[in-house]
Amino acid sequence: MTKILFFIPLVLIASAASAQQQRQQGHDACARDVSRFCRAQMQDGDQIVLACLKQNRARISKACQAMLASHGQ
């Protein structure tokens, strides 16, 4: 039982680290596009910036387009 209880936090930590890494990759792929096309929305939250990127999809980089597509956007 102790082994199971020890394992669960490790899984949660690994999941959180993976999610952080995915966010960082998304940030890296789209940072320049956000700066170019969505600068005015940067302080309005992630959902507003995402909407801006989607509105400018034809103009954003291929890497950012791929990142959006890989996340179902």
PDB file of N, CA and C in Angstrom:
ATOM      1  N   MET A   1       0.826  -1.198   0.000  1.00  0.00           N
ATOM      2  CA  MET A   1       0.000   0.000   0.000  1.00  0.00           C
ATOM      3  C   MET A   1       0.862   1.251   0.000  1.00  0.00           C
ATOM      4  N   THR A   2       1.941   1.248   0.775  1.00  0.00           N
ATOM      5  CA  THR A   2       2.826   2.404   0.839  1.00  0.00           C
ATOM      6  C   THR A   2       3.439   2.692  -0.515  1.00  0.00           C
ATOM      7  N   LYS A   3       3.776   1.633  -1.258  1.00  0.00           N
ATOM      8  CA  LYS A   3       4.371   1.812  -2.584  1.00  0.00           C
ATOM      9  C   LYS A   3       3.389   2.499  -3.527  1.00  0.00           C
ATOM     10  N   ILE A   4       2.124   2.144  -3.451  1.00  0.00           N
ATOM     11  CA  ILE A   4       1.104   2.755  -4.310  1.00  0.00           C
ATOM     12  C   ILE A   4       0.939   4.227  -3.959  1.00  0.00           C
ATOM     13  N   LEU A   5       0.889   4.537  -2.685  1.00  0.00           N
ATOM     14  CA  LEU A   5       0.733   5.930  -2.268  1.00  0.00           C
ATOM     15  C   LEU A   5       1.939   6.774  -2.679  1.00  0.00           C
ATOM     16  N   PHE A   6       3.106   6.180  -2.704  1.00  0.00           N
ATOM     17  CA  PHE A   6       4.316   6.884  -3.129  1.00  0.00           C
ATOM     18  C   PHE A   6       4.298   7.100  -4.635  1.00  0.00           C
ATOM     19  N   PHE A   7       3.773   6.150  -5.383  1.00  0.00           N
ATOM     20  CA  PHE A   7       3.761   6.202  -6.836  1.00  0.00           C
ATOM     21  C   PHE A   7       2.823   7.285  -7.367  1.00  0.00           C
ATOM     22  N   ILE A   8       1.684   7.461  -6.747  1.00  0.00           N
ATOM     23  CA  ILE A   8       0.680   8.421  -7.215  1.00  0.00           C
ATOM     24  C   ILE A   8       1.246   9.840  -7.289  1.00  0.00           C
ATOM     25  N   PRO A   9       1.919  10.354  -6.255  1.00  0.00           N
ATOM     26  CA  PRO A   9       2.490  11.701  -6.380  1.00  0.00           C
ATOM     27  C   PRO A   9       3.534  11.803  -7.496  1.00  0.00           C
ATOM     28  N   LEU A  10       4.295  10.733  -7.719  1.00  0.00           N
ATOM     29  CA  LEU A  10       5.281  10.763  -8.800  1.00  0.00           C
ATOM     30  C   LEU A  10       4.603  10.888 -10.154  1.00  0.00           C
ATOM     31  N   VAL A  11       3.492  10.197 -10.335  1.00  0.00           N
ATOM     32  CA  VAL A  11       2.738  10.291 -11.587  1.00  0.00           C
ATOM     33  C   VAL A  11       2.191  11.702 -11.759  1.00  0.00           C
ATOM     34  N   LEU A  12       1.662  12.278 -10.692  1.00  0.00           N
ATOM     35  CA  LEU A  12       1.123  13.639 -10.764  1.00  0.00           C
ATOM     36  C   LEU A  12       2.216  14.647 -11.082  1.00  0.00           C
ATOM     37  N   ILE A  13       3.394  14.471 -10.487  1.00  0.00           N
ATOM     38  CA  ILE A  13       4.516  15.373 -10.766  1.00  0.00           C
ATOM     39  C   ILE A  13       4.946  15.234 -12.219  1.00  0.00           C
ATOM     40  N   ALA A  14       5.034  14.006 -12.716  1.00  0.00           N
ATOM     41  CA  ALA A  14       5.422  13.777 -14.108  1.00  0.00           C
ATOM     42  C   ALA A  14       4.397  14.392 -15.063  1.00  0.00           C
ATOM     43  N   SER A  15       3.112  14.264 -14.732  1.00  0.00           N
ATOM     44  CA  SER A  15       2.065  14.843 -15.573  1.00  0.00           C
ATOM     45  C   SER A  15       2.157  16.361 -15.587  1.00  0.00           C
ATOM     46  N   ALA A  16       2.396  16.963 -14.453  1.00  0.00           N
ATOM     47  CA  ALA A  16       2.524  18.418 -14.372  1.00  0.00           C
ATOM     48  C   ALA A  16       3.743  18.892 -15.153  1.00  0.00           C
ATOM     49  N   ALA A  17       4.837  18.160 -15.065  1.00  0.00           N
ATOM     50  CA  ALA A  17       6.045  18.528 -15.798  1.00  0.00           C
ATOM     51  C   ALA A  17       5.810  18.425 -17.296  1.00  0.00           C
ATOM     52  N   SER A  18       5.098  17.404 -17.726  1.00  0.00           N
ATOM     53  CA  SER A  18       4.788  17.232 -19.142  1.00  0.00           C
ATOM     54  C   SER A  18       3.898  18.366 -19.642  1.00  0.00           C
ATOM     55  N   ALA A  19       2.910  18.734 -18.854  1.00  0.00           N
ATOM     56  CA  ALA A  19       2.029  19.840 -19.236  1.00  0.00           C
ATOM     57  C   ALA A  19       2.811  21.143 -19.330  1.00  0.00           C
ATOM     58  N   GLN A  20       3.723  21.368 -18.388  1.00  0.00           N
ATOM     59  CA  GLN A  20       4.555  22.576 -18.421  1.00  0.00           C
ATOM     60  C   GLN A  20       5.426  22.586 -19.667  1.00  0.00           C
ATOM     61  N   GLN A  21       5.984  21.445 -20.020  1.00  0.00           N
ATOM     62  CA  GLN A  21       6.835  21.358 -21.211  1.00  0.00           C
ATOM     63  C   GLN A  21       6.020  21.655 -22.469  1.00  0.00           C
ATOM     64  N   GLN A  22       4.796  21.138 -22.551  1.00  0.00           N
ATOM     65  CA  GLN A  22       3.942  21.406 -23.710  1.00  0.00           C
ATOM     66  C   GLN A  22       3.597  22.888 -23.804  1.00  0.00           C
ATOM     67  N   ARG A  23       3.316  23.520 -22.658  1.00  0.00           N
ATOM     68  CA  ARG A  23       3.023  24.958 -22.663  1.00  0.00           C
ATOM     69  C   ARG A  23       4.242  25.741 -23.144  1.00  0.00           C
ATOM     70  N   GLN A  24       5.423  25.333 -22.695  1.00  0.00           N
ATOM     71  CA  GLN A  24       6.644  26.029 -23.095  1.00  0.00           C
ATOM     72  C   GLN A  24       6.880  25.877 -24.596  1.00  0.00           C
ATOM     73  N   GLN A  25       6.657  24.681 -25.135  1.00  0.00           N
ATOM     74  CA  GLN A  25       6.827  24.464 -26.569  1.00  0.00           C
ATOM     75  C   GLN A  25       5.828  25.319 -27.349  1.00  0.00           C
ATOM     76  N   GLY A  26       4.596  25.400 -26.871  1.00  0.00           N
ATOM     77  CA  GLY A  26       3.601  26.239 -27.515  1.00  0.00           C
ATOM     78  C   GLY A  26       3.993  27.702 -27.447  1.00  0.00           C
ATOM     79  N   HIS A  27       4.500  28.111 -26.311  1.00  0.00           N
ATOM     80  CA  HIS A  27       4.965  29.489 -26.154  1.00  0.00           C
ATOM     81  C   HIS A  27       6.103  29.763 -27.121  1.00  0.00           C
ATOM     82  N   ASP A  28       7.073  28.862 -27.192  1.00  0.00           N
ATOM     83  CA  ASP A  28       8.218  29.051 -28.080  1.00  0.00           C
ATOM     84  C   ASP A  28       7.781  29.132 -29.541  1.00  0.00           C
ATOM     85  N   ALA A  29       6.826  28.293 -29.933  1.00  0.00           N
ATOM     86  CA  ALA A  29       6.378  28.252 -31.322  1.00  0.00           C
ATOM     87  C   ALA A  29       5.615  29.507 -31.717  1.00  0.00           C
ATOM     88  N   CYS A  30       4.925  30.120 -30.766  1.00  0.00           N
ATOM     89  CA  CYS A  30       4.038  31.233 -31.100  1.00  0.00           C
ATOM     90  C   CYS A  30       4.459  32.581 -30.522  1.00  0.00           C
ATOM     91  N   ALA A  31       5.534  32.624 -29.773  1.00  0.00           N
ATOM     92  CA  ALA A  31       5.920  33.867 -29.095  1.00  0.00           C
ATOM     93  C   ALA A  31       6.083  35.027 -30.069  1.00  0.00           C
ATOM     94  N   ARG A  32       6.771  34.799 -31.166  1.00  0.00           N
ATOM     95  CA  ARG A  32       6.988  35.874 -32.130  1.00  0.00           C
ATOM     96  C   ARG A  32       5.668  36.318 -32.775  1.00  0.00           C
ATOM     97  N   ASP A  33       4.808  35.344 -33.068  1.00  0.00           N
ATOM     98  CA  ASP A  33       3.508  35.667 -33.670  1.00  0.00           C
ATOM     99  C   ASP A  33       2.634  36.461 -32.705  1.00  0.00           C
ATOM    100  N   VAL A  34       2.654  36.086 -31.435  1.00  0.00           N
ATOM    101  CA  VAL A  34       1.889  36.839 -30.437  1.00  0.00           C
ATOM    102  C   VAL A  34       2.415  38.266 -30.379  1.00  0.00           C
ATOM    103  N   SER A  35       3.727  38.403 -30.377  1.00  0.00           N
ATOM    104  CA  SER A  35       4.330  39.729 -30.310  1.00  0.00           C
ATOM    105  C   SER A  35       3.978  40.569 -31.543  1.00  0.00           C
ATOM    106  N   ARG A  36       3.944  39.951 -32.689  1.00  0.00           N
ATOM    107  CA  ARG A  36       3.656  40.680 -33.932  1.00  0.00           C
ATOM    108  C   ARG A  36       2.181  41.006 -34.116  1.00  0.00           C
ATOM    109  N   PHE A  37       1.315  40.026 -33.858  1.00  0.00           N
ATOM    110  CA  PHE A  37      -0.093  40.178 -34.226  1.00  0.00           C
ATOM    111  C   PHE A  37      -1.039  40.402 -33.048  1.00  0.00           C
ATOM    112  N   CYS A  38      -0.616  40.058 -31.855  1.00  0.00           N
ATOM    113  CA  CYS A  38      -1.529  40.086 -30.708  1.00  0.00           C
ATOM    114  C   CYS A  38      -0.972  40.858 -29.525  1.00  0.00           C
ATOM    115  N   ARG A  39      -0.062  41.758 -29.779  1.00  0.00           N
ATOM    116  CA  ARG A  39       0.576  42.516 -28.699  1.00  0.00           C
ATOM    117  C   ARG A  39      -0.457  43.217 -27.812  1.00  0.00           C
ATOM    118  N   ALA A  40      -1.480  43.781 -28.405  1.00  0.00           N
ATOM    119  CA  ALA A  40      -2.485  44.529 -27.639  1.00  0.00           C
ATOM    120  C   ALA A  40      -3.287  43.624 -26.704  1.00  0.00           C
ATOM    121  N   GLN A  41      -3.347  42.320 -26.988  1.00  0.00           N
ATOM    122  CA  GLN A  41      -4.132  41.392 -26.182  1.00  0.00           C
ATOM    123  C   GLN A  41      -3.278  40.612 -25.176  1.00  0.00           C
ATOM    124  N   MET A  42      -1.992  40.819 -25.146  1.00  0.00           N
ATOM    125  CA  MET A  42      -1.105  40.003 -24.320  1.00  0.00           C
ATOM    126  C   MET A  42      -1.462  40.034 -22.839  1.00  0.00           C
ATOM    127  N   GLN A  43      -1.987  41.113 -22.349  1.00  0.00           N
ATOM    128  CA  GLN A  43      -2.333  41.220 -20.924  1.00  0.00           C
ATOM    129  C   GLN A  43      -3.765  40.790 -20.625  1.00  0.00           C
ATOM    130  N   ASP A  44      -4.490  40.362 -21.651  1.00  0.00           N
ATOM    131  CA  ASP A  44      -5.901  40.017 -21.486  1.00  0.00           C
ATOM    132  C   ASP A  44      -6.151  38.546 -21.178  1.00  0.00           C
ATOM    133  N   GLY A  45      -5.124  37.736 -21.131  1.00  0.00           N
ATOM    134  CA  GLY A  45      -5.279  36.321 -20.796  1.00  0.00           C
ATOM    135  C   GLY A  45      -5.077  35.411 -21.989  1.00  0.00           C
ATOM    136  N   ASP A  46      -4.829  34.158 -21.670  1.00  0.00           N
ATOM    137  CA  ASP A  46      -4.489  33.167 -22.690  1.00  0.00           C
ATOM    138  C   ASP A  46      -5.600  32.950 -23.708  1.00  0.00           C
ATOM    139  N   GLN A  47      -6.844  32.922 -23.257  1.00  0.00           N
ATOM    140  CA  GLN A  47      -7.949  32.660 -24.185  1.00  0.00           C
ATOM    141  C   GLN A  47      -8.108  33.783 -25.207  1.00  0.00           C
ATOM    142  N   ILE A  48      -7.874  35.014 -24.791  1.00  0.00           N
ATOM    143  CA  ILE A  48      -7.964  36.161 -25.705  1.00  0.00           C
ATOM    144  C   ILE A  48      -6.821  36.113 -26.710  1.00  0.00           C
ATOM    145  N   VAL A  49      -5.617  35.779 -26.240  1.00  0.00           N
ATOM    146  CA  VAL A  49      -4.461  35.664 -27.142  1.00  0.00           C
ATOM    147  C   VAL A  49      -4.697  34.526 -28.128  1.00  0.00           C
ATOM    148  N   LEU A  50      -5.231  33.409 -27.647  1.00  0.00           N
ATOM    149  CA  LEU A  50      -5.536  32.289 -28.536  1.00  0.00           C
ATOM    150  C   LEU A  50      -6.527  32.709 -29.610  1.00  0.00           C
ATOM    151  N   ALA A  51      -7.558  33.434 -29.231  1.00  0.00           N
ATOM    152  CA  ALA A  51      -8.544  33.918 -30.204  1.00  0.00           C
ATOM    153  C   ALA A  51      -7.881  34.826 -31.230  1.00  0.00           C
ATOM    154  N   CYS A  52      -6.964  35.663 -30.788  1.00  0.00           N
ATOM    155  CA  CYS A  52      -6.245  36.546 -31.700  1.00  0.00           C
ATOM    156  C   CYS A  52      -5.401  35.742 -32.682  1.00  0.00           C
ATOM    157  N   LEU A  53      -4.697  34.736 -32.172  1.00  0.00           N
ATOM    158  CA  LEU A  53      -3.888  33.895 -33.064  1.00  0.00           C
ATOM    159  C   LEU A  53      -4.768  33.203 -34.099  1.00  0.00           C
ATOM    160  N   LYS A  54      -5.928  32.727 -33.668  1.00  0.00           N
ATOM    161  CA  LYS A  54      -6.838  32.058 -34.588  1.00  0.00           C
ATOM    162  C   LYS A  54      -7.374  33.033 -35.637  1.00  0.00           C
ATOM    163  N   GLN A  55      -7.610  34.277 -35.238  1.00  0.00           N
ATOM    164  CA  GLN A  55      -8.066  35.281 -36.197  1.00  0.00           C
ATOM    165  C   GLN A  55      -6.989  35.606 -37.220  1.00  0.00           C
ATOM    166  N   ASN A  56      -5.742  35.462 -36.823  1.00  0.00           N
ATOM    167  CA  ASN A  56      -4.613  35.774 -37.703  1.00  0.00           C
ATOM    168  C   ASN A  56      -3.936  34.518 -38.244  1.00  0.00           C
ATOM    169  N   ARG A  57      -4.632  33.410 -38.241  1.00  0.00           N
ATOM    170  CA  ARG A  57      -4.057  32.120 -38.624  1.00  0.00           C
ATOM    171  C   ARG A  57      -3.338  32.173 -39.976  1.00  0.00           C
ATOM    172  N   ALA A  58      -3.867  32.853 -40.937  1.00  0.00           N
ATOM    173  CA  ALA A  58      -3.243  32.909 -42.270  1.00  0.00           C
ATOM    174  C   ALA A  58      -1.912  33.655 -42.248  1.00  0.00           C
ATOM    175  N   ARG A  59      -1.692  34.462 -41.232  1.00  0.00           N
ATOM    176  CA  ARG A  59      -0.491  35.291 -41.165  1.00  0.00           C
ATOM    177  C   ARG A  59       0.571  34.748 -40.213  1.00  0.00           C
ATOM    178  N   ILE A  60       0.193  33.835 -39.307  1.00  0.00           N
ATOM    179  CA  ILE A  60       1.151  33.351 -38.316  1.00  0.00           C
ATOM    180  C   ILE A  60       2.079  32.298 -38.925  1.00  0.00           C
ATOM    181  N   SER A  61       3.177  32.029 -38.215  1.00  0.00           N
ATOM    182  CA  SER A  61       4.193  31.098 -38.710  1.00  0.00           C
ATOM    183  C   SER A  61       3.639  29.679 -38.813  1.00  0.00           C
ATOM    184  N   LYS A  62       4.303  28.889 -39.645  1.00  0.00           N
ATOM    185  CA  LYS A  62       3.911  27.483 -39.805  1.00  0.00           C
ATOM    186  C   LYS A  62       4.049  26.725 -38.481  1.00  0.00           C
ATOM    187  N   ALA A  63       5.088  27.036 -37.712  1.00  0.00           N
ATOM    188  CA  ALA A  63       5.291  26.356 -36.425  1.00  0.00           C
ATOM    189  C   ALA A  63       4.136  26.648 -35.473  1.00  0.00           C
ATOM    190  N   CYS A  64       3.693  27.881 -35.426  1.00  0.00           N
ATOM    191  CA  CYS A  64       2.575  28.239 -34.559  1.00  0.00           C
ATOM    192  C   CYS A  64       1.274  27.621 -35.066  1.00  0.00           C
ATOM    193  N   GLN A  65       1.080  27.617 -36.365  1.00  0.00           N
ATOM    194  CA  GLN A  65      -0.098  26.974 -36.938  1.00  0.00           C
ATOM    195  C   GLN A  65      -0.124  25.491 -36.579  1.00  0.00           C
ATOM    196  N   ALA A  66       1.040  24.844 -36.660  1.00  0.00           N
ATOM    197  CA  ALA A  66       1.134  23.422 -36.330  1.00  0.00           C
ATOM    198  C   ALA A  66       0.843  23.190 -34.848  1.00  0.00           C
ATOM    199  N   MET A  67       1.340  24.068 -33.997  1.00  0.00           N
ATOM    200  CA  MET A  67       1.094  23.932 -32.565  1.00  0.00           C
ATOM    201  C   MET A  67      -0.404  24.076 -32.270  1.00  0.00           C
ATOM    202  N   LEU A  68      -1.048  25.054 -32.884  1.00  0.00           N
ATOM    203  CA  LEU A  68      -2.497  25.219 -32.688  1.00  0.00           C
ATOM    204  C   LEU A  68      -3.251  23.981 -33.154  1.00  0.00           C
ATOM    205  N   ALA A  69      -2.887  23.478 -34.335  1.00  0.00           N
ATOM    206  CA  ALA A  69      -3.553  22.299 -34.879  1.00  0.00           C
ATOM    207  C   ALA A  69      -3.334  21.071 -33.983  1.00  0.00           C
ATOM    208  N   SER A  70      -2.143  20.933 -33.451  1.00  0.00           N
ATOM    209  CA  SER A  70      -1.851  19.766 -32.595  1.00  0.00           C
ATOM    210  C   SER A  70      -2.631  19.813 -31.288  1.00  0.00           C
ATOM    211  N   HIS A  71      -3.123  20.994 -30.926  1.00  0.00           N
ATOM    212  CA  HIS A  71      -3.933  21.140 -29.716  1.00  0.00           C
ATOM    213  C   HIS A  71      -5.411  21.323 -30.026  1.00  0.00           C
ATOM    214  N   GLY A  72      -5.799  20.963 -31.257  1.00  0.00           N
ATOM    215  CA  GLY A  72      -7.199  20.984 -31.631  1.00  0.00           C
ATOM    216  C   GLY A  72      -7.782  22.369 -31.830  1.00  0.00           C
ATOM    217  N   GLN A  73      -6.937  23.323 -32.149  1.00  0.00           N
ATOM    218  CA  GLN A  73      -7.416  24.697 -32.320  1.00  0.00           C
ATOM    219  C   GLN A  73      -7.424  25.081 -33.780  1.00  0.00           C
TER     220      GLN A  73
END
